[in-house]
C-alpha cells in the first residue's frame, strides 16, 4: 500500500491547490453533457428510490453525486482533498461529504447500493488500480452497481501542471480491455461498456464508461 499512499498524497496536495479553479471550470458541465446525463439516468434506473450511493472522488463541486441525489438517491460524496470536501459541502447543502482515500475507505462492508467513480481512478498508477476496484467492491451490497468513467489512452506518469496550475499529480489513461479486466478480476459482471468522443470543450481524449454488477 505504500506506493499508492505516496501517489495519493500527491493527489491530495494537488487538489487542495486545484479545487477552486476546478469548481469554477466544471461545476456546470452537466448542462452541456447530454450523453453523461443519459448515462447517469440509466444508472439511477437500476436502483430503488432512497438507495445509498457513494460518489467516490466527488471533487470540489460534487455535481455528479448531486445529479443522482436529485433523482431520489441518498448520496455520500468522498474525496481525498480537504479543500474539495469543504467546497462540495458548501455547494450541496443536505448532502454528506467526507475526506477519504478511495483505496482505503472507512465504510463497513456491503453498505452501499451503488458506487459512482467518475474519473477518480485516473490519478492512480494502472498497476495499482485493482486495489481501488476491490475496495469499491467491498463497500457494495451484493447485486449493487458500480459506474466508472475514465479517459482513454495508453500514457501514464506524473504531470507537472493541471488546468494551468503548477503541481505534481499522477495521470493514467486506459483502454477498454484494461477497464474490463479491472471489473472482472475484482468480481463484477460487466453490464455496459461504451466509449465516446470528447466534446469540443473537453480535453481531447475519448471517454470510457462502464457499469458492473457485484456478483
N, C-alpha and C. Protein backbone atom coordinates (compact mmCIF):
# COMPACT_ATOMS: atom_id res chain seq x y z
N UNK A 1 0.82 -1.22 0.00
CA UNK A 1 0.00 0.00 0.00
C UNK A 1 0.85 1.27 0.00
N UNK A 2 2.14 1.15 0.31
CA UNK A 2 2.97 2.35 0.42
C UNK A 2 3.01 3.13 -0.89
N UNK A 3 3.10 2.42 -2.02
CA UNK A 3 3.19 3.09 -3.31
C UNK A 3 1.93 3.90 -3.60
N UNK A 4 0.77 3.31 -3.36
CA UNK A 4 -0.47 4.02 -3.65
C UNK A 4 -0.68 5.16 -2.67
N UNK A 5 -0.26 4.98 -1.43
CA UNK A 5 -0.38 6.06 -0.45
C UNK A 5 0.48 7.26 -0.85
N UNK A 6 1.66 7.00 -1.39
CA UNK A 6 2.53 8.09 -1.83
C UNK A 6 1.89 8.86 -2.99
N UNK A 7 1.41 8.12 -3.99
CA UNK A 7 0.80 8.77 -5.15
C UNK A 7 -0.44 9.55 -4.73
N UNK A 8 -1.26 8.97 -3.87
CA UNK A 8 -2.49 9.64 -3.45
C UNK A 8 -2.21 10.83 -2.54
N UNK A 9 -1.09 10.81 -1.82
CA UNK A 9 -0.73 12.01 -1.05
C UNK A 9 -0.43 13.17 -1.99
N UNK A 10 0.15 12.87 -3.15
CA UNK A 10 0.39 13.89 -4.17
C UNK A 10 -0.95 14.39 -4.74
N UNK A 11 -1.90 13.47 -4.92
CA UNK A 11 -3.22 13.86 -5.41
C UNK A 11 -3.89 14.80 -4.41
N UNK A 12 -3.80 14.48 -3.12
CA UNK A 12 -4.40 15.34 -2.10
C UNK A 12 -3.80 16.75 -2.15
N UNK A 13 -2.49 16.82 -2.19
CA UNK A 13 -1.81 18.12 -2.24
C UNK A 13 -2.21 18.90 -3.48
N UNK A 14 -2.28 18.19 -4.63
CA UNK A 14 -2.60 18.85 -5.89
C UNK A 14 -4.01 19.42 -5.86
N UNK A 15 -4.98 18.62 -5.45
CA UNK A 15 -6.37 19.09 -5.48
C UNK A 15 -6.68 20.10 -4.40
N UNK A 16 -5.89 20.15 -3.35
CA UNK A 16 -6.04 21.25 -2.41
C UNK A 16 -5.70 22.58 -3.09
N UNK A 17 -4.78 22.53 -4.06
CA UNK A 17 -4.44 23.72 -4.86
C UNK A 17 -5.43 23.95 -6.00
N UNK A 18 -5.90 22.86 -6.61
CA UNK A 18 -6.70 22.94 -7.83
C UNK A 18 -8.18 23.16 -7.58
N UNK A 19 -8.66 22.87 -6.38
CA UNK A 19 -10.09 22.73 -6.13
C UNK A 19 -10.91 23.94 -6.57
N UNK A 20 -10.48 25.13 -6.20
CA UNK A 20 -11.29 26.31 -6.50
C UNK A 20 -11.41 26.55 -8.00
N UNK A 21 -10.29 26.42 -8.72
CA UNK A 21 -10.34 26.62 -10.17
C UNK A 21 -11.11 25.49 -10.85
N UNK A 22 -10.94 24.28 -10.35
CA UNK A 22 -11.65 23.13 -10.91
C UNK A 22 -13.16 23.36 -10.81
N UNK A 23 -13.60 23.82 -9.65
CA UNK A 23 -15.03 24.10 -9.48
C UNK A 23 -15.49 25.19 -10.45
N UNK A 24 -14.70 26.23 -10.57
CA UNK A 24 -15.05 27.33 -11.47
C UNK A 24 -15.22 26.83 -12.90
N UNK A 25 -14.35 25.92 -13.33
CA UNK A 25 -14.37 25.44 -14.71
C UNK A 25 -15.46 24.41 -14.99
N UNK A 26 -15.76 23.55 -14.01
CA UNK A 26 -16.53 22.35 -14.33
C UNK A 26 -17.86 22.19 -13.58
N UNK A 27 -18.21 23.09 -12.67
CA UNK A 27 -19.37 22.81 -11.84
C UNK A 27 -20.68 22.77 -12.63
N UNK A 28 -20.71 23.43 -13.79
CA UNK A 28 -21.93 23.42 -14.62
C UNK A 28 -21.82 22.52 -15.85
N UNK A 29 -20.80 21.68 -15.90
CA UNK A 29 -20.54 20.93 -17.13
C UNK A 29 -21.66 19.97 -17.51
N UNK A 30 -22.44 19.48 -16.54
CA UNK A 30 -23.50 18.54 -16.88
C UNK A 30 -24.56 19.17 -17.77
N UNK A 31 -24.68 20.48 -17.71
CA UNK A 31 -25.65 21.17 -18.58
C UNK A 31 -25.32 20.96 -20.05
N UNK A 32 -24.06 20.70 -20.36
CA UNK A 32 -23.61 20.56 -21.74
C UNK A 32 -23.32 19.11 -22.13
N UNK A 33 -23.57 18.17 -21.23
CA UNK A 33 -23.19 16.77 -21.49
C UNK A 33 -24.43 15.87 -21.49
N UNK A 34 -25.15 15.90 -22.60
CA UNK A 34 -26.35 15.09 -22.70
C UNK A 34 -26.04 13.61 -22.56
N UNK A 35 -24.92 13.16 -23.13
CA UNK A 35 -24.55 11.74 -23.02
C UNK A 35 -24.42 11.34 -21.56
N UNK A 36 -23.71 12.13 -20.78
CA UNK A 36 -23.48 11.80 -19.38
C UNK A 36 -24.78 11.83 -18.58
N UNK A 37 -25.65 12.76 -18.90
CA UNK A 37 -26.94 12.80 -18.21
C UNK A 37 -27.74 11.54 -18.49
N UNK A 38 -27.75 11.10 -19.73
CA UNK A 38 -28.48 9.88 -20.07
C UNK A 38 -27.86 8.66 -19.38
N UNK A 39 -26.53 8.63 -19.32
CA UNK A 39 -25.84 7.52 -18.65
C UNK A 39 -26.20 7.47 -17.17
N UNK A 40 -26.16 8.62 -16.51
CA UNK A 40 -26.48 8.66 -15.08
C UNK A 40 -27.95 8.35 -14.85
N UNK A 41 -28.81 8.76 -15.75
CA UNK A 41 -30.22 8.40 -15.65
C UNK A 41 -30.40 6.88 -15.71
N UNK A 42 -29.69 6.24 -16.63
CA UNK A 42 -29.82 4.78 -16.78
C UNK A 42 -29.24 4.07 -15.56
N UNK A 43 -28.18 4.64 -14.97
CA UNK A 43 -27.62 4.07 -13.75
C UNK A 43 -28.63 4.18 -12.61
N UNK A 44 -29.26 5.35 -12.48
CA UNK A 44 -30.25 5.56 -11.42
C UNK A 44 -31.44 4.62 -11.57
N UNK A 45 -31.78 4.29 -12.80
CA UNK A 45 -32.92 3.40 -13.05
C UNK A 45 -32.67 1.98 -12.57
N UNK A 46 -31.41 1.62 -12.36
CA UNK A 46 -31.08 0.30 -11.83
C UNK A 46 -31.30 0.21 -10.32
N UNK A 47 -31.57 1.34 -9.69
CA UNK A 47 -31.62 1.43 -8.23
C UNK A 47 -33.00 1.86 -7.76
N UNK A 48 -33.32 1.49 -6.54
CA UNK A 48 -34.59 1.89 -5.94
C UNK A 48 -34.47 3.29 -5.37
N UNK A 49 -35.57 4.05 -5.33
CA UNK A 49 -35.54 5.36 -4.67
C UNK A 49 -35.05 5.23 -3.23
N UNK A 50 -34.19 6.15 -2.83
CA UNK A 50 -33.63 6.11 -1.49
C UNK A 50 -32.40 5.25 -1.36
N UNK A 51 -31.95 4.64 -2.45
CA UNK A 51 -30.74 3.81 -2.40
C UNK A 51 -29.55 4.62 -1.92
N UNK A 52 -28.65 3.95 -1.22
CA UNK A 52 -27.44 4.59 -0.70
C UNK A 52 -26.34 4.51 -1.76
N UNK A 53 -25.83 5.68 -2.14
CA UNK A 53 -24.84 5.78 -3.22
C UNK A 53 -23.59 6.46 -2.69
N UNK A 54 -22.41 5.93 -3.07
CA UNK A 54 -21.14 6.58 -2.78
C UNK A 54 -20.61 7.21 -4.06
N UNK A 55 -20.38 8.51 -4.02
CA UNK A 55 -19.72 9.23 -5.12
C UNK A 55 -18.24 9.25 -4.77
N UNK A 56 -17.50 8.29 -5.31
CA UNK A 56 -16.11 8.03 -4.93
C UNK A 56 -15.16 8.91 -5.74
N UNK A 57 -14.73 10.00 -5.12
CA UNK A 57 -13.92 11.00 -5.81
C UNK A 57 -14.81 12.10 -6.32
N UNK A 58 -15.55 12.73 -5.41
CA UNK A 58 -16.62 13.66 -5.78
C UNK A 58 -16.12 14.99 -6.30
N UNK A 59 -14.85 15.34 -6.01
CA UNK A 59 -14.32 16.62 -6.46
C UNK A 59 -14.91 17.79 -5.70
N UNK A 60 -14.53 19.01 -6.06
CA UNK A 60 -14.96 20.19 -5.31
C UNK A 60 -16.39 20.61 -5.57
N UNK A 61 -17.00 20.12 -6.64
CA UNK A 61 -18.36 20.54 -6.99
C UNK A 61 -19.41 19.54 -6.51
N UNK A 62 -19.04 18.27 -6.43
CA UNK A 62 -20.00 17.24 -6.05
C UNK A 62 -21.16 17.13 -7.01
N UNK A 63 -20.96 17.57 -8.26
CA UNK A 63 -22.09 17.71 -9.18
C UNK A 63 -22.58 16.39 -9.75
N UNK A 64 -21.72 15.39 -9.84
CA UNK A 64 -22.17 14.08 -10.31
C UNK A 64 -23.07 13.44 -9.26
N UNK A 65 -22.62 13.46 -8.02
CA UNK A 65 -23.44 12.95 -6.93
C UNK A 65 -24.73 13.73 -6.78
N UNK A 66 -24.67 15.05 -6.96
CA UNK A 66 -25.87 15.87 -6.88
C UNK A 66 -26.89 15.46 -7.94
N UNK A 67 -26.41 15.15 -9.15
CA UNK A 67 -27.32 14.75 -10.22
C UNK A 67 -28.08 13.48 -9.81
N UNK A 68 -27.37 12.54 -9.18
CA UNK A 68 -28.01 11.30 -8.73
C UNK A 68 -28.91 11.57 -7.53
N UNK A 69 -28.47 12.43 -6.62
CA UNK A 69 -29.28 12.76 -5.45
C UNK A 69 -30.60 13.38 -5.86
N UNK A 70 -30.57 14.19 -6.91
CA UNK A 70 -31.80 14.83 -7.39
C UNK A 70 -32.77 13.83 -8.01
N UNK A 71 -32.32 12.60 -8.19
CA UNK A 71 -33.19 11.54 -8.69
C UNK A 71 -33.61 10.59 -7.58
N UNK A 72 -33.53 11.06 -6.36
CA UNK A 72 -34.11 10.32 -5.23
C UNK A 72 -33.17 9.40 -4.49
N UNK A 73 -31.86 9.56 -4.71
CA UNK A 73 -30.89 8.70 -4.03
C UNK A 73 -30.25 9.44 -2.85
N UNK A 74 -29.80 8.67 -1.86
CA UNK A 74 -29.08 9.22 -0.72
C UNK A 74 -27.58 9.08 -1.00
N UNK A 75 -26.92 10.19 -1.30
CA UNK A 75 -25.54 10.17 -1.80
C UNK A 75 -24.57 10.65 -0.73
N UNK A 76 -23.49 9.89 -0.55
CA UNK A 76 -22.35 10.32 0.25
C UNK A 76 -21.18 10.54 -0.69
N UNK A 77 -20.66 11.75 -0.73
CA UNK A 77 -19.50 12.06 -1.57
C UNK A 77 -18.22 11.95 -0.75
N UNK A 78 -17.20 11.34 -1.33
CA UNK A 78 -15.90 11.25 -0.67
C UNK A 78 -14.82 11.77 -1.61
N UNK A 79 -13.82 12.39 -1.04
CA UNK A 79 -12.71 12.89 -1.82
C UNK A 79 -11.47 12.94 -0.94
N UNK A 80 -10.32 12.77 -1.55
CA UNK A 80 -9.07 12.75 -0.80
C UNK A 80 -8.61 14.15 -0.40
N UNK A 81 -9.14 15.18 -1.07
CA UNK A 81 -8.71 16.56 -0.83
C UNK A 81 -9.61 17.24 0.20
N UNK A 82 -8.99 17.81 1.22
CA UNK A 82 -9.74 18.55 2.24
C UNK A 82 -10.50 19.72 1.62
N UNK A 83 -9.86 20.42 0.69
CA UNK A 83 -10.50 21.58 0.07
C UNK A 83 -11.67 21.16 -0.81
N UNK A 84 -11.55 20.03 -1.50
CA UNK A 84 -12.66 19.54 -2.31
C UNK A 84 -13.86 19.22 -1.43
N UNK A 85 -13.63 18.58 -0.31
CA UNK A 85 -14.72 18.23 0.60
C UNK A 85 -15.36 19.50 1.16
N UNK A 86 -14.53 20.48 1.50
CA UNK A 86 -15.04 21.75 2.04
C UNK A 86 -15.94 22.44 1.02
N UNK A 87 -15.48 22.53 -0.23
CA UNK A 87 -16.25 23.21 -1.26
C UNK A 87 -17.52 22.43 -1.61
N UNK A 88 -17.40 21.12 -1.78
CA UNK A 88 -18.56 20.31 -2.14
C UNK A 88 -19.64 20.41 -1.07
N UNK A 89 -19.24 20.44 0.19
CA UNK A 89 -20.20 20.58 1.29
C UNK A 89 -20.92 21.91 1.22
N UNK A 90 -20.17 22.97 0.89
CA UNK A 90 -20.78 24.30 0.87
C UNK A 90 -21.72 24.48 -0.32
N UNK A 91 -21.44 23.79 -1.43
CA UNK A 91 -22.26 23.95 -2.63
C UNK A 91 -23.45 22.99 -2.68
N UNK A 92 -23.47 22.01 -1.78
CA UNK A 92 -24.53 21.00 -1.83
C UNK A 92 -25.11 20.76 -0.44
N UNK A 93 -25.80 21.75 0.11
CA UNK A 93 -26.39 21.57 1.44
C UNK A 93 -27.37 20.40 1.44
N UNK A 94 -27.33 19.64 2.51
CA UNK A 94 -28.19 18.48 2.61
C UNK A 94 -27.53 17.19 2.17
N UNK A 95 -26.37 17.28 1.50
CA UNK A 95 -25.61 16.10 1.12
C UNK A 95 -24.45 15.90 2.09
N UNK A 96 -23.99 14.67 2.18
CA UNK A 96 -22.91 14.30 3.11
C UNK A 96 -21.61 14.16 2.33
N UNK A 97 -20.54 14.76 2.84
CA UNK A 97 -19.23 14.67 2.21
C UNK A 97 -18.17 14.36 3.27
N UNK A 98 -17.25 13.46 2.92
CA UNK A 98 -16.20 13.02 3.83
C UNK A 98 -14.86 13.00 3.12
N UNK A 99 -13.78 13.27 3.88
CA UNK A 99 -12.45 13.11 3.29
C UNK A 99 -12.01 11.67 3.46
N UNK A 100 -11.83 11.00 2.34
CA UNK A 100 -11.49 9.57 2.32
C UNK A 100 -10.57 9.29 1.14
N UNK A 101 -9.73 8.28 1.28
CA UNK A 101 -8.94 7.74 0.17
C UNK A 101 -9.72 6.56 -0.39
N UNK A 102 -10.06 6.59 -1.67
CA UNK A 102 -10.90 5.55 -2.24
C UNK A 102 -10.20 4.20 -2.31
N UNK A 103 -8.90 4.15 -2.05
CA UNK A 103 -8.20 2.87 -1.99
C UNK A 103 -8.27 2.26 -0.59
N UNK A 104 -8.75 3.04 0.39
CA UNK A 104 -8.80 2.56 1.77
C UNK A 104 -9.90 3.32 2.50
N UNK A 105 -11.13 2.90 2.28
CA UNK A 105 -12.30 3.61 2.80
C UNK A 105 -12.64 3.15 4.21
N UNK A 106 -13.29 4.01 4.98
CA UNK A 106 -13.63 3.68 6.36
C UNK A 106 -15.00 3.02 6.49
N UNK A 107 -15.72 2.84 5.41
CA UNK A 107 -17.06 2.29 5.46
C UNK A 107 -17.05 0.79 5.74
N UNK A 108 -18.15 0.31 6.31
CA UNK A 108 -18.31 -1.11 6.55
C UNK A 108 -18.54 -1.86 5.23
N UNK A 109 -18.34 -3.16 5.26
CA UNK A 109 -18.60 -3.99 4.08
C UNK A 109 -20.07 -3.89 3.68
N UNK A 110 -20.31 -3.91 2.37
CA UNK A 110 -21.65 -4.03 1.79
C UNK A 110 -22.65 -3.03 2.36
N UNK A 111 -22.27 -1.77 2.36
CA UNK A 111 -23.15 -0.74 2.93
C UNK A 111 -23.76 0.19 1.87
N UNK A 112 -23.34 0.09 0.61
CA UNK A 112 -23.89 0.94 -0.45
C UNK A 112 -24.58 0.11 -1.52
N UNK A 113 -25.66 0.69 -2.07
CA UNK A 113 -26.37 0.05 -3.18
C UNK A 113 -25.71 0.35 -4.52
N UNK A 114 -25.00 1.45 -4.60
CA UNK A 114 -24.33 1.84 -5.83
C UNK A 114 -23.12 2.70 -5.55
N UNK A 115 -22.16 2.66 -6.45
CA UNK A 115 -20.96 3.49 -6.35
C UNK A 115 -20.71 4.12 -7.70
N UNK A 116 -20.40 5.41 -7.69
CA UNK A 116 -20.00 6.14 -8.90
C UNK A 116 -18.54 6.54 -8.76
N UNK A 117 -17.74 6.19 -9.74
CA UNK A 117 -16.33 6.57 -9.76
C UNK A 117 -16.08 7.33 -11.07
N UNK A 118 -16.33 8.62 -11.02
CA UNK A 118 -16.27 9.45 -12.23
C UNK A 118 -14.89 10.09 -12.34
N UNK A 119 -14.04 9.49 -13.16
CA UNK A 119 -12.67 9.96 -13.39
C UNK A 119 -11.83 9.96 -12.12
N UNK A 120 -12.18 9.12 -11.15
CA UNK A 120 -11.40 9.11 -9.91
C UNK A 120 -10.27 8.10 -9.93
N UNK A 121 -10.23 7.19 -10.92
CA UNK A 121 -9.11 6.24 -10.98
C UNK A 121 -7.94 6.80 -11.79
N UNK A 122 -8.12 7.96 -12.40
CA UNK A 122 -7.11 8.45 -13.35
C UNK A 122 -5.86 8.99 -12.66
N UNK A 123 -5.87 9.14 -11.35
CA UNK A 123 -4.69 9.64 -10.64
C UNK A 123 -3.96 8.54 -9.88
N UNK A 124 -4.15 7.29 -10.33
CA UNK A 124 -3.51 6.12 -9.72
C UNK A 124 -2.75 5.35 -10.79
N UNK A 125 -1.53 4.88 -10.51
CA UNK A 125 -0.82 4.03 -11.48
C UNK A 125 -1.66 2.82 -11.88
N UNK A 126 -1.62 2.48 -13.14
CA UNK A 126 -2.51 1.44 -13.65
C UNK A 126 -2.32 0.10 -12.96
N UNK A 127 -1.08 -0.21 -12.52
CA UNK A 127 -0.86 -1.49 -11.86
C UNK A 127 -1.40 -1.52 -10.43
N UNK A 128 -1.90 -0.38 -9.95
CA UNK A 128 -2.46 -0.31 -8.59
C UNK A 128 -3.97 -0.06 -8.58
N UNK A 129 -4.56 0.14 -9.74
CA UNK A 129 -5.98 0.49 -9.81
C UNK A 129 -6.86 -0.65 -9.29
N UNK A 130 -6.40 -1.90 -9.41
CA UNK A 130 -7.17 -3.03 -8.89
C UNK A 130 -7.46 -2.87 -7.40
N UNK A 131 -6.56 -2.23 -6.66
CA UNK A 131 -6.79 -2.00 -5.23
C UNK A 131 -8.04 -1.15 -5.01
N UNK A 132 -8.26 -0.17 -5.88
CA UNK A 132 -9.45 0.67 -5.78
C UNK A 132 -10.70 -0.14 -6.12
N UNK A 133 -10.65 -0.91 -7.20
CA UNK A 133 -11.81 -1.71 -7.58
C UNK A 133 -12.19 -2.69 -6.48
N UNK A 134 -11.21 -3.31 -5.85
CA UNK A 134 -11.52 -4.26 -4.77
C UNK A 134 -12.14 -3.55 -3.57
N UNK A 135 -11.72 -2.34 -3.31
CA UNK A 135 -12.29 -1.58 -2.20
C UNK A 135 -13.73 -1.15 -2.53
N UNK A 136 -13.98 -0.73 -3.75
CA UNK A 136 -15.33 -0.36 -4.15
C UNK A 136 -16.24 -1.59 -4.17
N UNK A 137 -15.70 -2.73 -4.56
CA UNK A 137 -16.45 -3.99 -4.48
C UNK A 137 -16.82 -4.29 -3.03
N UNK A 138 -15.88 -4.09 -2.12
CA UNK A 138 -16.11 -4.41 -0.71
C UNK A 138 -17.28 -3.62 -0.12
N UNK A 139 -17.38 -2.33 -0.46
CA UNK A 139 -18.42 -1.50 0.17
C UNK A 139 -19.78 -1.65 -0.50
N UNK A 140 -19.82 -2.32 -1.65
CA UNK A 140 -21.09 -2.52 -2.36
C UNK A 140 -21.84 -3.73 -1.82
N UNK A 141 -23.16 -3.60 -1.76
CA UNK A 141 -24.00 -4.75 -1.45
C UNK A 141 -24.00 -5.72 -2.63
N UNK A 142 -24.31 -6.99 -2.34
CA UNK A 142 -24.50 -7.96 -3.41
C UNK A 142 -25.58 -7.45 -4.36
N UNK A 143 -25.34 -7.56 -5.65
CA UNK A 143 -26.21 -7.04 -6.72
C UNK A 143 -26.11 -5.52 -6.88
N UNK A 144 -25.23 -4.88 -6.09
CA UNK A 144 -25.01 -3.45 -6.26
C UNK A 144 -24.27 -3.14 -7.54
N UNK A 145 -24.33 -1.88 -7.97
CA UNK A 145 -23.76 -1.47 -9.25
C UNK A 145 -22.66 -0.44 -9.08
N UNK A 146 -21.63 -0.58 -9.90
CA UNK A 146 -20.50 0.36 -9.95
C UNK A 146 -20.44 0.98 -11.33
N UNK A 147 -20.44 2.32 -11.39
CA UNK A 147 -20.26 3.06 -12.62
C UNK A 147 -18.88 3.72 -12.61
N UNK A 148 -18.09 3.45 -13.63
CA UNK A 148 -16.75 4.01 -13.75
C UNK A 148 -16.64 4.81 -15.04
N UNK A 149 -16.06 6.00 -14.94
CA UNK A 149 -15.71 6.79 -16.11
C UNK A 149 -14.21 7.03 -16.09
N UNK A 150 -13.57 6.91 -17.25
CA UNK A 150 -12.12 7.11 -17.36
C UNK A 150 -11.81 7.72 -18.71
N UNK A 151 -10.61 8.24 -18.84
CA UNK A 151 -10.16 8.80 -20.11
C UNK A 151 -9.31 7.78 -20.84
N UNK A 152 -9.48 7.72 -22.16
CA UNK A 152 -8.86 6.69 -22.98
C UNK A 152 -7.46 7.11 -23.44
N UNK A 153 -6.59 6.12 -23.53
CA UNK A 153 -5.23 6.34 -23.99
C UNK A 153 -4.31 5.29 -23.42
N UNK A 154 -3.02 5.49 -23.57
CA UNK A 154 -2.05 4.50 -23.09
C UNK A 154 -1.02 5.08 -22.12
N UNK A 155 -0.96 6.40 -22.02
CA UNK A 155 0.10 7.03 -21.24
C UNK A 155 -0.22 7.00 -19.74
N UNK A 156 0.83 7.05 -18.93
CA UNK A 156 0.70 7.28 -17.51
C UNK A 156 2.00 7.86 -16.97
N UNK A 157 1.89 8.57 -15.85
CA UNK A 157 3.06 9.17 -15.23
C UNK A 157 2.70 10.47 -14.55
N UNK A 158 3.69 11.07 -13.89
CA UNK A 158 3.46 12.32 -13.19
C UNK A 158 3.42 13.49 -14.17
N UNK A 159 2.48 14.39 -13.94
CA UNK A 159 2.40 15.66 -14.65
C UNK A 159 2.90 16.77 -13.73
N UNK A 160 3.38 17.85 -14.32
CA UNK A 160 3.85 18.98 -13.52
C UNK A 160 2.86 20.16 -13.56
N UNK A 161 1.74 19.95 -14.25
CA UNK A 161 0.74 21.03 -14.38
C UNK A 161 -0.61 20.42 -14.69
N UNK A 162 -1.67 21.03 -14.16
CA UNK A 162 -3.02 20.63 -14.49
C UNK A 162 -3.92 21.84 -14.42
N UNK A 163 -4.80 22.01 -15.39
CA UNK A 163 -5.70 23.16 -15.58
C UNK A 163 -4.98 24.50 -15.33
N UNK A 164 -3.73 24.56 -15.82
CA UNK A 164 -2.98 25.81 -15.76
C UNK A 164 -2.31 26.09 -14.43
N UNK A 165 -2.35 25.15 -13.50
CA UNK A 165 -1.74 25.34 -12.18
C UNK A 165 -0.57 24.38 -12.04
N UNK A 166 0.56 24.89 -11.61
CA UNK A 166 1.76 24.08 -11.44
C UNK A 166 1.61 23.21 -10.20
N UNK A 167 1.69 21.90 -10.40
CA UNK A 167 1.56 20.95 -9.31
C UNK A 167 2.07 19.60 -9.79
N UNK A 168 2.27 18.68 -8.88
CA UNK A 168 2.73 17.33 -9.24
C UNK A 168 1.58 16.35 -8.98
N UNK A 169 1.14 15.70 -10.05
CA UNK A 169 0.00 14.80 -9.92
C UNK A 169 0.13 13.66 -10.94
N UNK A 170 -0.25 12.46 -10.52
CA UNK A 170 -0.18 11.30 -11.41
C UNK A 170 -1.39 11.28 -12.33
N UNK A 171 -1.18 10.81 -13.54
CA UNK A 171 -2.27 10.77 -14.52
C UNK A 171 -2.16 9.48 -15.32
N UNK A 172 -3.24 8.71 -15.38
CA UNK A 172 -3.29 7.46 -16.13
C UNK A 172 -4.42 7.49 -17.14
N UNK A 173 -4.14 6.99 -18.33
CA UNK A 173 -5.14 6.80 -19.38
C UNK A 173 -5.30 5.30 -19.62
N UNK A 174 -6.49 4.87 -20.04
CA UNK A 174 -6.83 3.46 -20.08
C UNK A 174 -7.42 3.06 -21.42
N UNK A 175 -7.36 1.75 -21.70
CA UNK A 175 -8.11 1.22 -22.83
C UNK A 175 -9.26 0.37 -22.30
N UNK A 176 -10.15 -0.02 -23.19
CA UNK A 176 -11.34 -0.75 -22.76
C UNK A 176 -11.01 -2.10 -22.14
N UNK A 177 -9.99 -2.77 -22.66
CA UNK A 177 -9.62 -4.08 -22.10
C UNK A 177 -9.16 -3.91 -20.66
N UNK A 178 -8.38 -2.87 -20.38
CA UNK A 178 -7.91 -2.66 -19.02
C UNK A 178 -9.08 -2.43 -18.07
N UNK A 179 -10.03 -1.60 -18.48
CA UNK A 179 -11.19 -1.33 -17.63
C UNK A 179 -11.99 -2.62 -17.42
N UNK A 180 -12.20 -3.37 -18.48
CA UNK A 180 -12.93 -4.63 -18.36
C UNK A 180 -12.22 -5.58 -17.39
N UNK A 181 -10.91 -5.68 -17.51
CA UNK A 181 -10.15 -6.58 -16.64
C UNK A 181 -10.24 -6.16 -15.18
N UNK A 182 -10.22 -4.86 -14.89
CA UNK A 182 -10.37 -4.40 -13.51
C UNK A 182 -11.70 -4.87 -12.93
N UNK A 183 -12.76 -4.71 -13.70
CA UNK A 183 -14.08 -5.14 -13.23
C UNK A 183 -14.11 -6.64 -12.97
N UNK A 184 -13.74 -7.41 -13.98
CA UNK A 184 -13.89 -8.87 -13.92
C UNK A 184 -12.99 -9.46 -12.83
N UNK A 185 -11.74 -9.01 -12.74
CA UNK A 185 -10.82 -9.57 -11.75
C UNK A 185 -11.22 -9.22 -10.32
N UNK A 186 -12.05 -8.18 -10.17
CA UNK A 186 -12.50 -7.78 -8.84
C UNK A 186 -13.83 -8.40 -8.46
N UNK A 187 -14.46 -9.16 -9.37
CA UNK A 187 -15.68 -9.87 -9.04
C UNK A 187 -16.95 -9.28 -9.61
N UNK A 188 -16.83 -8.36 -10.55
CA UNK A 188 -18.01 -7.74 -11.16
C UNK A 188 -18.38 -8.42 -12.48
N UNK A 189 -19.64 -8.37 -12.79
CA UNK A 189 -20.12 -8.73 -14.12
C UNK A 189 -20.37 -7.43 -14.89
N UNK A 190 -19.75 -7.30 -16.05
CA UNK A 190 -19.93 -6.11 -16.87
C UNK A 190 -21.33 -6.10 -17.48
N UNK A 191 -22.06 -5.03 -17.27
CA UNK A 191 -23.39 -4.88 -17.86
C UNK A 191 -23.41 -3.86 -18.99
N UNK A 192 -22.42 -2.97 -19.01
CA UNK A 192 -22.41 -1.90 -20.02
C UNK A 192 -20.98 -1.40 -20.16
N UNK A 193 -20.56 -1.20 -21.40
CA UNK A 193 -19.29 -0.51 -21.66
C UNK A 193 -19.40 0.21 -22.99
N UNK A 194 -18.97 1.46 -23.00
CA UNK A 194 -19.06 2.25 -24.22
C UNK A 194 -17.99 3.34 -24.18
N UNK A 195 -17.59 3.75 -25.36
CA UNK A 195 -16.61 4.83 -25.47
C UNK A 195 -17.24 5.95 -26.29
N UNK A 196 -16.97 7.19 -25.88
CA UNK A 196 -17.48 8.33 -26.67
C UNK A 196 -16.35 9.29 -26.99
N UNK A 197 -16.54 10.05 -28.07
CA UNK A 197 -15.58 11.09 -28.43
C UNK A 197 -15.71 12.26 -27.47
N UNK A 198 -14.64 13.02 -27.28
CA UNK A 198 -14.73 14.19 -26.40
C UNK A 198 -15.60 15.27 -27.02
N UNK A 199 -16.29 16.01 -26.16
CA UNK A 199 -16.98 17.20 -26.63
C UNK A 199 -15.94 18.27 -26.98
N UNK A 200 -16.35 19.26 -27.75
CA UNK A 200 -15.42 20.29 -28.21
C UNK A 200 -14.72 21.02 -27.06
N UNK A 201 -15.39 21.14 -25.93
CA UNK A 201 -14.85 21.92 -24.81
C UNK A 201 -14.05 21.05 -23.82
N UNK A 202 -13.89 19.74 -24.13
CA UNK A 202 -13.19 18.84 -23.23
C UNK A 202 -11.74 18.61 -23.66
N UNK A 203 -10.92 18.08 -22.74
CA UNK A 203 -9.59 17.57 -23.08
C UNK A 203 -9.75 16.51 -24.17
N UNK A 204 -8.86 16.51 -25.13
CA UNK A 204 -9.07 15.72 -26.35
C UNK A 204 -8.69 14.26 -26.17
N UNK A 205 -9.35 13.59 -25.25
CA UNK A 205 -9.25 12.15 -25.10
C UNK A 205 -10.65 11.56 -25.15
N UNK A 206 -10.77 10.39 -25.80
CA UNK A 206 -12.04 9.68 -25.72
C UNK A 206 -12.34 9.31 -24.27
N UNK A 207 -13.61 9.11 -23.97
CA UNK A 207 -14.05 8.71 -22.64
C UNK A 207 -14.55 7.27 -22.67
N UNK A 208 -14.22 6.52 -21.63
CA UNK A 208 -14.70 5.15 -21.47
C UNK A 208 -15.65 5.12 -20.27
N UNK A 209 -16.82 4.50 -20.48
CA UNK A 209 -17.81 4.36 -19.41
C UNK A 209 -18.14 2.88 -19.27
N UNK A 210 -18.26 2.42 -18.03
CA UNK A 210 -18.60 1.01 -17.78
C UNK A 210 -19.43 0.92 -16.51
N UNK A 211 -20.37 -0.02 -16.55
CA UNK A 211 -21.18 -0.33 -15.37
C UNK A 211 -21.05 -1.82 -15.11
N UNK A 212 -20.74 -2.16 -13.86
CA UNK A 212 -20.65 -3.55 -13.45
C UNK A 212 -21.55 -3.84 -12.27
N UNK A 213 -21.96 -5.11 -12.16
CA UNK A 213 -22.82 -5.55 -11.05
C UNK A 213 -22.02 -6.50 -10.17
N UNK A 214 -22.11 -6.29 -8.85
CA UNK A 214 -21.41 -7.15 -7.91
C UNK A 214 -22.10 -8.49 -7.82
N UNK A 215 -21.36 -9.55 -8.10
CA UNK A 215 -21.92 -10.91 -8.06
C UNK A 215 -21.87 -11.45 -6.64
